[in-house]
């Protein structure tokens, strides 16, 4: 699969990094980075070596501490972005590397945890990247990531399509395709990850109009980078799309909402020390009794107590 122009996306990142007000557009990625970091702190474990893949301006890394990570490697494809990425203050060792998410340079079983926040939705070969992450993780290592899901910017997508059909008699792709949540689990399973945890979140941001939204997407370096993207939008089509956006989705106060669906994922590399599922058919409670689970628990407790009493009597 070759959906995205990776060089164009690097150029978008470079342009965003050169802007004097680049921090102004970090609000969405900072929020997702904070929520992703919160999931890391939920794991009661200290990781010796961590990789922040597609770190951007340090949206996740700046929340980490030495209690969780000892050595951090911040990676991004754009050298200009890396130069401005915020380095965490409370970590023993931190270094930066220019890394392409599609070609990881790390040795097998050398990393304890791989993090990635809002970067992998621009990867062409997501199964290959997941496989490479699996290989570089140590046994019982963990991958924690976040990427945009299929419902992201559905309002903008719909408004642009309707406007182009009305004004030009057809429409082109203006919003990049995103991964569906039903596909993420199967891709992680195929790569060999176990004990998967996948959930979604929706962040809705209100903008004065469609034009401010598109301006901010460019500032985030989240503008379209698919090979089939249309490089030019007619002025009349833009104004028509803005009017349609306002009519279909506008808020009572005149603003327009933009929905960002975020898929969070956690997967572990198998290890003998991990909890293992019971063998199929080893359960001793039927699903048909689920409605009376309290009674079943009491019956099992009584049965175990009776067995213990019989055993004590036999020993006497």
C-alpha atoms as a PDB file:
ATOM      1  CA  UNK A   1       0.000   0.000   0.000  1.00  0.00           C
ATOM      2  CA  UNK A   2       1.231   3.482  -0.877  1.00  0.00           C
ATOM      3  CA  UNK A   3      -1.448   5.940   0.199  1.00  0.00           C
ATOM      4  CA  UNK A   4       0.542   8.840   1.605  1.00  0.00           C
ATOM      5  CA  UNK A   5       3.240  11.041   0.134  1.00  0.00           C
ATOM      6  CA  UNK A   6       5.716  10.756   3.001  1.00  0.00           C
ATOM      7  CA  UNK A   7       7.957  13.502   1.599  1.00  0.00           C
ATOM      8  CA  UNK A   8       4.995  15.872   1.473  1.00  0.00           C
ATOM      9  CA  UNK A   9       4.180  15.090   5.094  1.00  0.00           C
ATOM     10  CA  UNK A  10       7.786  15.778   6.121  1.00  0.00           C
ATOM     11  CA  UNK A  11       7.557  19.080   4.260  1.00  0.00           C
ATOM     12  CA  UNK A  12       4.340  19.914   6.152  1.00  0.00           C
ATOM     13  CA  UNK A  13       6.136  19.262   9.444  1.00  0.00           C
ATOM     14  CA  UNK A  14       9.119  21.363   8.443  1.00  0.00           C
ATOM     15  CA  UNK A  15       6.864  24.280   7.491  1.00  0.00           C
ATOM     16  CA  UNK A  16       4.957  24.013  10.783  1.00  0.00           C
ATOM     17  CA  UNK A  17       8.233  23.956  12.755  1.00  0.00           C
ATOM     18  CA  UNK A  18       9.503  27.090  11.007  1.00  0.00           C
ATOM     19  CA  UNK A  19       6.463  29.123  12.081  1.00  0.00           C
ATOM     20  CA  UNK A  20       7.170  31.554  14.900  1.00  0.00           C
ATOM     21  CA  UNK A  21       3.844  30.692  16.536  1.00  0.00           C
ATOM     22  CA  UNK A  22       4.079  26.894  16.133  1.00  0.00           C
ATOM     23  CA  UNK A  23       3.158  26.368  19.797  1.00  0.00           C
ATOM     24  CA  UNK A  24      -0.233  27.999  19.141  1.00  0.00           C
ATOM     25  CA  UNK A  25      -1.351  24.952  17.169  1.00  0.00           C
ATOM     26  CA  UNK A  26      -0.245  22.308  19.689  1.00  0.00           C
ATOM     27  CA  UNK A  27      -3.476  22.352  21.715  1.00  0.00           C
ATOM     28  CA  UNK A  28      -4.970  19.173  20.238  1.00  0.00           C
ATOM     29  CA  UNK A  29      -1.760  17.106  20.193  1.00  0.00           C
ATOM     30  CA  UNK A  30      -0.871  18.309  23.693  1.00  0.00           C
ATOM     31  CA  UNK A  31      -4.247  17.138  24.970  1.00  0.00           C
ATOM     32  CA  UNK A  32      -3.933  13.706  23.348  1.00  0.00           C
ATOM     33  CA  UNK A  33      -0.334  13.466  24.573  1.00  0.00           C
ATOM     34  CA  UNK A  34      -1.477  14.161  28.133  1.00  0.00           C
ATOM     35  CA  UNK A  35      -4.178  11.479  27.909  1.00  0.00           C
ATOM     36  CA  UNK A  36      -1.695   8.994  26.479  1.00  0.00           C
ATOM     37  CA  UNK A  37       0.830   9.764  29.227  1.00  0.00           C
ATOM     38  CA  UNK A  38      -1.889   9.106  31.783  1.00  0.00           C
ATOM     39  CA  UNK A  39      -2.186   5.560  30.433  1.00  0.00           C
ATOM     40  CA  UNK A  40       1.556   5.091  30.885  1.00  0.00           C
ATOM     41  CA  UNK A  41       1.359   6.092  34.533  1.00  0.00           C
ATOM     42  CA  UNK A  42      -1.439   3.541  35.020  1.00  0.00           C
ATOM     43  CA  UNK A  43       1.153   0.796  34.437  1.00  0.00           C
ATOM     44  CA  UNK A  44       2.920   0.206  37.736  1.00  0.00           C
ATOM     45  CA  UNK A  45       6.329  -0.389  36.204  1.00  0.00           C
ATOM     46  CA  UNK A  46       9.617   1.409  35.614  1.00  0.00           C
ATOM     47  CA  UNK A  47      10.876   1.244  32.019  1.00  0.00           C
ATOM     48  CA  UNK A  48      14.617   1.437  31.452  1.00  0.00           C
ATOM     49  CA  UNK A  49      14.554   2.456  27.751  1.00  0.00           C
ATOM     50  CA  UNK A  50      11.622   4.197  26.051  1.00  0.00           C
ATOM     51  CA  UNK A  51      11.101   5.369  22.478  1.00  0.00           C
ATOM     52  CA  UNK A  52       8.707   8.190  21.601  1.00  0.00           C
ATOM     53  CA  UNK A  53       8.027   7.439  17.936  1.00  0.00           C
ATOM     54  CA  UNK A  54       6.875  10.471  15.971  1.00  0.00           C
ATOM     55  CA  UNK A  55       7.355  12.646  19.047  1.00  0.00           C
ATOM     56  CA  UNK A  56       6.426  15.923  17.364  1.00  0.00           C
ATOM     57  CA  UNK A  57       7.109  18.817  19.703  1.00  0.00           C
ATOM     58  CA  UNK A  58       7.259  16.534  22.754  1.00  0.00           C
ATOM     59  CA  UNK A  59       3.511  16.208  23.320  1.00  0.00           C
ATOM     60  CA  UNK A  60       3.910  12.972  25.330  1.00  0.00           C
ATOM     61  CA  UNK A  61       7.535  13.150  26.418  1.00  0.00           C
ATOM     62  CA  UNK A  62       7.171  16.337  28.439  1.00  0.00           C
ATOM     63  CA  UNK A  63       4.806  14.534  30.819  1.00  0.00           C
ATOM     64  CA  UNK A  64       7.206  11.668  31.592  1.00  0.00           C
ATOM     65  CA  UNK A  65       9.345  11.375  34.718  1.00  0.00           C
ATOM     66  CA  UNK A  66      12.242   9.236  35.941  1.00  0.00           C
ATOM     67  CA  UNK A  67       9.815   7.233  38.064  1.00  0.00           C
ATOM     68  CA  UNK A  68       8.427   5.780  34.822  1.00  0.00           C
ATOM     69  CA  UNK A  69      11.276   6.057  32.298  1.00  0.00           C
ATOM     70  CA  UNK A  70      15.041   6.130  32.858  1.00  0.00           C
ATOM     71  CA  UNK A  71      16.273   6.676  29.275  1.00  0.00           C
ATOM     72  CA  UNK A  72      14.140   8.321  26.570  1.00  0.00           C
ATOM     73  CA  UNK A  73      14.771   8.370  22.816  1.00  0.00           C
ATOM     74  CA  UNK A  74      12.682  11.020  21.040  1.00  0.00           C
ATOM     75  CA  UNK A  75      12.212  10.231  17.337  1.00  0.00           C
ATOM     76  CA  UNK A  76      10.717  12.158  14.447  1.00  0.00           C
ATOM     77  CA  UNK A  77      11.255  12.286  10.700  1.00  0.00           C
ATOM     78  CA  UNK A  78      11.578  16.073  10.691  1.00  0.00           C
ATOM     79  CA  UNK A  79      14.866  17.382  12.043  1.00  0.00           C
ATOM     80  CA  UNK A  80      13.363  20.861  12.432  1.00  0.00           C
ATOM     81  CA  UNK A  81      10.575  19.469  14.618  1.00  0.00           C
ATOM     82  CA  UNK A  82      13.076  17.565  16.754  1.00  0.00           C
ATOM     83  CA  UNK A  83      15.099  20.730  17.347  1.00  0.00           C
ATOM     84  CA  UNK A  84      12.060  22.409  18.920  1.00  0.00           C
ATOM     85  CA  UNK A  85      10.695  19.340  20.730  1.00  0.00           C
ATOM     86  CA  UNK A  86      10.338  19.895  24.476  1.00  0.00           C
ATOM     87  CA  UNK A  87      12.667  17.649  26.483  1.00  0.00           C
ATOM     88  CA  UNK A  88      11.322  16.313  29.812  1.00  0.00           C
ATOM     89  CA  UNK A  89      13.051  17.839  32.823  1.00  0.00           C
ATOM     90  CA  UNK A  90      12.774  14.874  35.182  1.00  0.00           C
ATOM     91  CA  UNK A  91      14.438  12.065  33.197  1.00  0.00           C
ATOM     92  CA  UNK A  92      17.974  10.757  33.714  1.00  0.00           C
ATOM     93  CA  UNK A  93      18.869  10.519  30.004  1.00  0.00           C
ATOM     94  CA  UNK A  94      17.180  11.858  26.859  1.00  0.00           C
ATOM     95  CA  UNK A  95      18.395  11.996  23.276  1.00  0.00           C
ATOM     96  CA  UNK A  96      16.874  12.800  19.895  1.00  0.00           C
ATOM     97  CA  UNK A  97      17.048  10.792  16.668  1.00  0.00           C
ATOM     98  CA  UNK A  98      15.785  11.416  13.136  1.00  0.00           C
ATOM     99  CA  UNK A  99      13.763   8.252  12.454  1.00  0.00           C
ATOM    100  CA  UNK A 100      11.302   7.245   9.759  1.00  0.00           C
ATOM    101  CA  UNK A 101       8.341   5.417  11.330  1.00  0.00           C
ATOM    102  CA  UNK A 102       8.346   2.991   8.401  1.00  0.00           C
ATOM    103  CA  UNK A 103      12.007   1.991   8.928  1.00  0.00           C
ATOM    104  CA  UNK A 104      12.958   1.617  12.588  1.00  0.00           C
ATOM    105  CA  UNK A 105      16.717   1.457  13.317  1.00  0.00           C
ATOM    106  CA  UNK A 106      16.547  -0.192  16.751  1.00  0.00           C
ATOM    107  CA  UNK A 107      18.113  -3.556  17.553  1.00  0.00           C
ATOM    108  CA  UNK A 108      15.922  -6.543  18.354  1.00  0.00           C
ATOM    109  CA  UNK A 109      14.719  -6.708  21.960  1.00  0.00           C
ATOM    110  CA  UNK A 110      16.443  -3.452  22.957  1.00  0.00           C
ATOM    111  CA  UNK A 111      13.461  -1.283  24.003  1.00  0.00           C
ATOM    112  CA  UNK A 112      11.188  -1.600  27.045  1.00  0.00           C
ATOM    113  CA  UNK A 113       8.340   0.645  25.871  1.00  0.00           C
ATOM    114  CA  UNK A 114       7.425   2.296  22.566  1.00  0.00           C
ATOM    115  CA  UNK A 115       5.117   5.325  22.595  1.00  0.00           C
ATOM    116  CA  UNK A 116       3.497   6.969  19.618  1.00  0.00           C
ATOM    117  CA  UNK A 117       0.990   9.803  19.686  1.00  0.00           C
ATOM    118  CA  UNK A 118      -0.831  10.992  16.546  1.00  0.00           C
ATOM    119  CA  UNK A 119       1.905   9.957  14.142  1.00  0.00           C
ATOM    120  CA  UNK A 120       1.128   6.480  12.820  1.00  0.00           C
ATOM    121  CA  UNK A 121      -1.980   7.529  10.849  1.00  0.00           C
ATOM    122  CA  UNK A 122       0.470   8.891   8.234  1.00  0.00           C
ATOM    123  CA  UNK A 123       2.264   5.531   7.833  1.00  0.00           C
ATOM    124  CA  UNK A 124       1.721   3.616   4.601  1.00  0.00           C
ATOM    125  CA  UNK A 125       2.615   0.150   5.894  1.00  0.00           C
ATOM    126  CA  UNK A 126       1.046   0.071   9.351  1.00  0.00           C
ATOM    127  CA  UNK A 127       1.306  -3.762   9.666  1.00  0.00           C
ATOM    128  CA  UNK A 128       5.038  -3.535   8.910  1.00  0.00           C
ATOM    129  CA  UNK A 129       5.542  -0.777  11.486  1.00  0.00           C
ATOM    130  CA  UNK A 130       3.703  -2.790  14.148  1.00  0.00           C
ATOM    131  CA  UNK A 131       5.888  -5.804  13.334  1.00  0.00           C
ATOM    132  CA  UNK A 132       9.065  -3.718  13.623  1.00  0.00           C
ATOM    133  CA  UNK A 133       7.897  -2.327  16.967  1.00  0.00           C
ATOM    134  CA  UNK A 134       7.270  -5.877  18.178  1.00  0.00           C
ATOM    135  CA  UNK A 135      10.787  -6.957  17.165  1.00  0.00           C
ATOM    136  CA  UNK A 136      12.565  -4.090  18.929  1.00  0.00           C
ATOM    137  CA  UNK A 137      10.622  -4.562  22.174  1.00  0.00           C
ATOM    138  CA  UNK A 138      12.052  -6.707  24.954  1.00  0.00           C
ATOM    139  CA  UNK A 139       9.953  -9.582  26.258  1.00  0.00           C
ATOM    140  CA  UNK A 140       7.107  -8.183  28.355  1.00  0.00           C
ATOM    141  CA  UNK A 141       7.681  -4.824  26.651  1.00  0.00           C
ATOM    142  CA  UNK A 142       4.677  -2.667  25.831  1.00  0.00           C
ATOM    143  CA  UNK A 143       3.513  -0.506  22.944  1.00  0.00           C
ATOM    144  CA  UNK A 144       1.186   2.378  23.769  1.00  0.00           C
ATOM    145  CA  UNK A 145      -0.109   4.474  20.901  1.00  0.00           C
ATOM    146  CA  UNK A 146      -2.779   6.883  19.713  1.00  0.00           C
ATOM    147  CA  UNK A 147      -3.888   7.721  16.184  1.00  0.00           C
ATOM    148  CA  UNK A 148      -6.818   9.423  14.500  1.00  0.00           C
ATOM    149  CA  UNK A 149      -9.780   7.155  13.718  1.00  0.00           C
ATOM    150  CA  UNK A 150     -12.168   6.996  10.779  1.00  0.00           C
ATOM    151  CA  UNK A 151     -14.716   9.473  12.166  1.00  0.00           C
ATOM    152  CA  UNK A 152     -12.162  12.279  12.376  1.00  0.00           C
ATOM    153  CA  UNK A 153     -13.275  15.492  10.639  1.00  0.00           C
ATOM    154  CA  UNK A 154     -16.415  13.900   9.191  1.00  0.00           C
ATOM    155  CA  UNK A 155     -18.057  17.345   9.180  1.00  0.00           C
ATOM    156  CA  UNK A 156     -15.322  18.896   7.038  1.00  0.00           C
ATOM    157  CA  UNK A 157     -15.217  15.883   4.743  1.00  0.00           C
ATOM    158  CA  UNK A 158     -18.965  15.991   4.133  1.00  0.00           C
ATOM    159  CA  UNK A 159     -19.117  19.759   3.588  1.00  0.00           C
ATOM    160  CA  UNK A 160     -16.297  19.731   1.023  1.00  0.00           C
ATOM    161  CA  UNK A 161     -17.782  16.801  -0.880  1.00  0.00           C
ATOM    162  CA  UNK A 162     -21.254  18.373  -1.091  1.00  0.00           C
ATOM    163  CA  UNK A 163     -19.802  21.727  -2.153  1.00  0.00           C
ATOM    164  CA  UNK A 164     -17.689  20.188  -4.927  1.00  0.00           C
ATOM    165  CA  UNK A 165     -20.600  18.118  -6.225  1.00  0.00           C
ATOM    166  CA  UNK A 166     -22.750  21.253  -6.337  1.00  0.00           C
ATOM    167  CA  UNK A 167     -20.168  23.578  -7.918  1.00  0.00           C
ATOM    168  CA  UNK A 168     -17.958  21.240  -9.951  1.00  0.00           C
ATOM    169  CA  UNK A 169     -20.081  18.152 -10.611  1.00  0.00           C
ATOM    170  CA  UNK A 170     -17.837  15.761  -8.669  1.00  0.00           C
ATOM    171  CA  UNK A 171     -15.557  15.585  -5.657  1.00  0.00           C
ATOM    172  CA  UNK A 172     -11.963  14.677  -4.812  1.00  0.00           C
ATOM    173  CA  UNK A 173     -10.300  13.485  -1.604  1.00  0.00           C
ATOM    174  CA  UNK A 174      -9.491  16.402   0.679  1.00  0.00           C
ATOM    175  CA  UNK A 175      -9.326  14.538   3.996  1.00  0.00           C
ATOM    176  CA  UNK A 176      -6.814  11.723   4.374  1.00  0.00           C
ATOM    177  CA  UNK A 177      -8.210   8.219   5.020  1.00  0.00           C
ATOM    178  CA  UNK A 178      -7.957   7.123   8.646  1.00  0.00           C
ATOM    179  CA  UNK A 179      -7.770   3.697  10.274  1.00  0.00           C
ATOM    180  CA  UNK A 180     -10.982   2.129  11.564  1.00  0.00           C
ATOM    181  CA  UNK A 181     -11.017   0.876  15.137  1.00  0.00           C
ATOM    182  CA  UNK A 182     -12.093  -2.602  14.007  1.00  0.00           C
ATOM    183  CA  UNK A 183      -8.837  -2.900  12.026  1.00  0.00           C
ATOM    184  CA  UNK A 184      -6.445  -1.816  14.771  1.00  0.00           C
ATOM    185  CA  UNK A 185      -6.988  -4.868  16.977  1.00  0.00           C
ATOM    186  CA  UNK A 186      -6.521  -7.323  14.120  1.00  0.00           C
ATOM    187  CA  UNK A 187      -3.325  -5.565  12.974  1.00  0.00           C
ATOM    188  CA  UNK A 188      -1.848  -5.695  16.480  1.00  0.00           C
ATOM    189  CA  UNK A 189      -2.810  -9.360  16.806  1.00  0.00           C
ATOM    190  CA  UNK A 190      -1.183 -10.165  13.472  1.00  0.00           C
ATOM    191  CA  UNK A 191       2.009  -8.474  14.669  1.00  0.00           C
ATOM    192  CA  UNK A 192       2.038 -10.748  17.738  1.00  0.00           C
ATOM    193  CA  UNK A 193       0.889  -8.392  20.513  1.00  0.00           C
ATOM    194  CA  UNK A 194      -1.089  -9.840  23.426  1.00  0.00           C
ATOM    195  CA  UNK A 195      -3.269  -8.485  26.247  1.00  0.00           C
ATOM    196  CA  UNK A 196      -4.628  -5.789  23.939  1.00  0.00           C
ATOM    197  CA  UNK A 197      -6.512  -2.780  25.233  1.00  0.00           C
ATOM    198  CA  UNK A 198      -8.170  -0.594  22.604  1.00  0.00           C
ATOM    199  CA  UNK A 199     -10.550   2.287  23.243  1.00  0.00           C
ATOM    200  CA  UNK A 200     -11.672   5.440  21.515  1.00  0.00           C
ATOM    201  CA  UNK A 201     -12.231   9.014  22.515  1.00  0.00           C
ATOM    202  CA  UNK A 202     -13.815  11.947  20.716  1.00  0.00           C
ATOM    203  CA  UNK A 203     -12.518  15.475  21.085  1.00  0.00           C
ATOM    204  CA  UNK A 204     -14.768  18.203  19.687  1.00  0.00           C
ATOM    205  CA  UNK A 205     -13.202  21.600  19.031  1.00  0.00           C
ATOM    206  CA  UNK A 206     -15.304  24.628  18.065  1.00  0.00           C
ATOM    207  CA  UNK A 207     -14.009  27.111  15.469  1.00  0.00           C
ATOM    208  CA  UNK A 208     -15.351  30.455  14.238  1.00  0.00           C
ATOM    209  CA  UNK A 209     -15.715  28.963  10.750  1.00  0.00           C
ATOM    210  CA  UNK A 210     -14.381  26.246   8.456  1.00  0.00           C
ATOM    211  CA  UNK A 211     -11.523  28.518   7.383  1.00  0.00           C
ATOM    212  CA  UNK A 212     -10.031  28.749  10.895  1.00  0.00           C
ATOM    213  CA  UNK A 213     -10.217  24.967  11.159  1.00  0.00           C
ATOM    214  CA  UNK A 214      -8.307  24.469   7.908  1.00  0.00           C
ATOM    215  CA  UNK A 215      -5.753  27.093   8.963  1.00  0.00           C
ATOM    216  CA  UNK A 216      -5.144  25.276  12.253  1.00  0.00           C
ATOM    217  CA  UNK A 217      -4.844  21.895  10.537  1.00  0.00           C
ATOM    218  CA  UNK A 218      -2.038  23.336   8.443  1.00  0.00           C
ATOM    219  CA  UNK A 219      -0.399  24.746  11.588  1.00  0.00           C
ATOM    220  CA  UNK A 220      -0.567  21.260  13.164  1.00  0.00           C
ATOM    221  CA  UNK A 221       0.966  19.722  10.010  1.00  0.00           C
ATOM    222  CA  UNK A 222      -2.205  17.651   9.695  1.00  0.00           C
ATOM    223  CA  UNK A 223      -3.127  18.824   6.200  1.00  0.00           C
ATOM    224  CA  UNK A 224      -3.791  16.161   3.575  1.00  0.00           C
ATOM    225  CA  UNK A 225      -0.793  14.195   2.287  1.00  0.00           C
ATOM    226  CA  UNK A 226      -2.457  11.427   0.288  1.00  0.00           C
ATOM    227  CA  UNK A 227      -1.177  10.868  -3.250  1.00  0.00           C
ATOM    228  CA  UNK A 228      -4.642  11.468  -4.727  1.00  0.00           C
ATOM    229  CA  UNK A 229      -5.174  14.780  -2.921  1.00  0.00           C
ATOM    230  CA  UNK A 230      -6.436  17.724  -4.922  1.00  0.00           C
ATOM    231  CA  UNK A 231      -3.842  20.483  -4.794  1.00  0.00           C
ATOM    232  CA  UNK A 232      -6.225  23.369  -5.449  1.00  0.00           C
ATOM    233  CA  UNK A 233      -9.691  24.302  -4.185  1.00  0.00           C
ATOM    234  CA  UNK A 234     -11.718  26.836  -6.147  1.00  0.00           C
ATOM    235  CA  UNK A 235     -12.693  29.957  -4.255  1.00  0.00           C
ATOM    236  CA  UNK A 236     -16.417  29.485  -4.929  1.00  0.00           C
ATOM    237  CA  UNK A 237     -16.235  25.874  -3.751  1.00  0.00           C
ATOM    238  CA  UNK A 238     -14.567  26.953  -0.501  1.00  0.00           C
ATOM    239  CA  UNK A 239     -17.251  29.504   0.308  1.00  0.00           C
ATOM    240  CA  UNK A 240     -19.971  27.001  -0.590  1.00  0.00           C
ATOM    241  CA  UNK A 241     -18.372  24.380   1.692  1.00  0.00           C
ATOM    242  CA  UNK A 242     -18.204  26.884   4.537  1.00  0.00           C
ATOM    243  CA  UNK A 243     -21.896  27.697   4.137  1.00  0.00           C
ATOM    244  CA  UNK A 244     -22.830  24.001   4.009  1.00  0.00           C
ATOM    245  CA  UNK A 245     -20.677  23.291   7.075  1.00  0.00           C
ATOM    246  CA  UNK A 246     -22.454  26.049   9.000  1.00  0.00           C
ATOM    247  CA  UNK A 247     -25.914  24.925   7.856  1.00  0.00           C
ATOM    248  CA  UNK A 248     -25.452  21.220   8.613  1.00  0.00           C
ATOM    249  CA  UNK A 249     -23.296  21.290  11.725  1.00  0.00           C
ATOM    250  CA  UNK A 250     -23.191  24.864  13.024  1.00  0.00           C
ATOM    251  CA  UNK A 251     -23.671  25.648  16.715  1.00  0.00           C
ATOM    252  CA  UNK A 252     -26.308  28.134  17.946  1.00  0.00           C
ATOM    253  CA  UNK A 253     -23.553  30.647  18.774  1.00  0.00           C
ATOM    254  CA  UNK A 254     -22.345  30.696  15.152  1.00  0.00           C
ATOM    255  CA  UNK A 255     -19.280  28.495  15.639  1.00  0.00           C
ATOM    256  CA  UNK A 256     -18.756  25.148  13.884  1.00  0.00           C
ATOM    257  CA  UNK A 257     -17.609  21.909  15.560  1.00  0.00           C
ATOM    258  CA  UNK A 258     -14.782  19.685  14.361  1.00  0.00           C
ATOM    259  CA  UNK A 259     -14.700  16.121  15.672  1.00  0.00           C
ATOM    260  CA  UNK A 260     -11.419  14.278  16.189  1.00  0.00           C
ATOM    261  CA  UNK A 261     -11.795  10.568  16.917  1.00  0.00           C
ATOM    262  CA  UNK A 262      -8.729   9.228  18.727  1.00  0.00           C
ATOM    263  CA  UNK A 263      -7.991   5.502  18.957  1.00  0.00           C
ATOM    264  CA  UNK A 264      -5.822   4.498  21.920  1.00  0.00           C
ATOM    265  CA  UNK A 265      -4.086   1.115  21.912  1.00  0.00           C
ATOM    266  CA  UNK A 266      -1.962  -0.893  24.326  1.00  0.00           C
ATOM    267  CA  UNK A 267      -0.267  -4.159  23.354  1.00  0.00           C
ATOM    268  CA  UNK A 268       2.305  -6.306  25.130  1.00  0.00           C
ATOM    269  CA  UNK A 269       5.081  -8.487  23.759  1.00  0.00           C
ATOM    270  CA  UNK A 270       4.527 -12.052  24.989  1.00  0.00           C
ATOM    271  CA  UNK A 271       6.597 -13.306  27.932  1.00  0.00           C
ATOM    272  CA  UNK A 272       6.378 -16.398  30.174  1.00  0.00           C
ATOM    273  CA  UNK A 273       5.763 -14.188  33.230  1.00  0.00           C
ATOM    274  CA  UNK A 274       2.556 -12.715  31.795  1.00  0.00           C
ATOM    275  CA  UNK A 275      -0.869 -13.949  32.938  1.00  0.00           C
ATOM    276  CA  UNK A 276      -2.092 -16.707  30.624  1.00  0.00           C
ATOM    277  CA  UNK A 277      -5.719 -17.370  29.642  1.00  0.00           C
ATOM    278  CA  UNK A 278      -7.335 -20.548  30.960  1.00  0.00           C
ATOM    279  CA  UNK A 279      -7.707 -23.463  28.581  1.00  0.00           C
ATOM    280  CA  UNK A 280     -10.871 -23.554  26.524  1.00  0.00           C
ATOM    281  CA  UNK A 281     -13.618 -25.451  28.358  1.00  0.00           C
ATOM    282  CA  UNK A 282     -12.025 -25.104  31.803  1.00  0.00           C
ATOM    283  CA  UNK A 283     -14.706 -22.755  33.120  1.00  0.00           C
ATOM    284  CA  UNK A 284     -16.970 -24.099  35.889  1.00  0.00           C
ATOM    285  CA  UNK A 285     -19.747 -21.496  35.715  1.00  0.00           C
ATOM    286  CA  UNK A 286     -22.260 -21.494  32.875  1.00  0.00           C
ATOM    287  CA  UNK A 287     -23.147 -18.260  31.091  1.00  0.00           C
ATOM    288  CA  UNK A 288     -26.816 -19.158  31.504  1.00  0.00           C
ATOM    289  CA  UNK A 289     -26.376 -18.577  35.266  1.00  0.00           C
ATOM    290  CA  UNK A 290     -24.933 -15.089  34.871  1.00  0.00           C
ATOM    291  CA  UNK A 291     -28.210 -13.479  36.022  1.00  0.00           C
ATOM    292  CA  UNK A 292     -27.824 -15.227  39.405  1.00  0.00           C
ATOM    293  CA  UNK A 293     -24.073 -14.775  39.760  1.00  0.00           C
ATOM    294  CA  UNK A 294     -24.311 -13.805  43.465  1.00  0.00           C
ATOM    295  CA  UNK A 295     -26.071 -17.063  44.286  1.00  0.00           C
ATOM    296  CA  UNK A 296     -23.542 -19.039  42.228  1.00  0.00           C
ATOM    297  CA  UNK A 297     -20.646 -17.458  44.153  1.00  0.00           C
ATOM    298  CA  UNK A 298     -22.284 -18.346  47.469  1.00  0.00           C
ATOM    299  CA  UNK A 299     -22.884 -21.929  46.325  1.00  0.00           C
ATOM    300  CA  UNK A 300     -19.248 -22.280  45.208  1.00  0.00           C
ATOM    301  CA  UNK A 301     -17.990 -20.828  48.509  1.00  0.00           C
ATOM    302  CA  UNK A 302     -20.187 -23.240  50.474  1.00  0.00           C
ATOM    303  CA  UNK A 303     -18.987 -26.134  48.316  1.00  0.00           C
ATOM    304  CA  UNK A 304     -15.312 -25.233  48.918  1.00  0.00           C
ATOM    305  CA  UNK A 305     -15.905 -24.855  52.643  1.00  0.00           C
ATOM    306  CA  UNK A 306     -17.572 -28.271  52.767  1.00  0.00           C
ATOM    307  CA  UNK A 307     -14.651 -29.823  50.875  1.00  0.00           C
ATOM    308  CA  UNK A 308     -12.194 -28.273  53.349  1.00  0.00           C
ATOM    309  CA  UNK A 309     -14.209 -29.592  56.294  1.00  0.00           C
ATOM    310  CA  UNK A 310     -14.339 -33.106  54.801  1.00  0.00           C
ATOM    311  CA  UNK A 311     -10.564 -32.995  54.231  1.00  0.00           C
ATOM    312  CA  UNK A 312      -9.934 -31.979  57.849  1.00  0.00           C
ATOM    313  CA  UNK A 313     -12.194 -34.778  59.091  1.00  0.00           C
ATOM    314  CA  UNK A 314     -10.321 -37.312  56.957  1.00  0.00           C
ATOM    315  CA  UNK A 315      -6.941 -36.134  58.300  1.00  0.00           C
ATOM    316  CA  UNK A 316      -8.121 -36.685  61.899  1.00  0.00           C
END
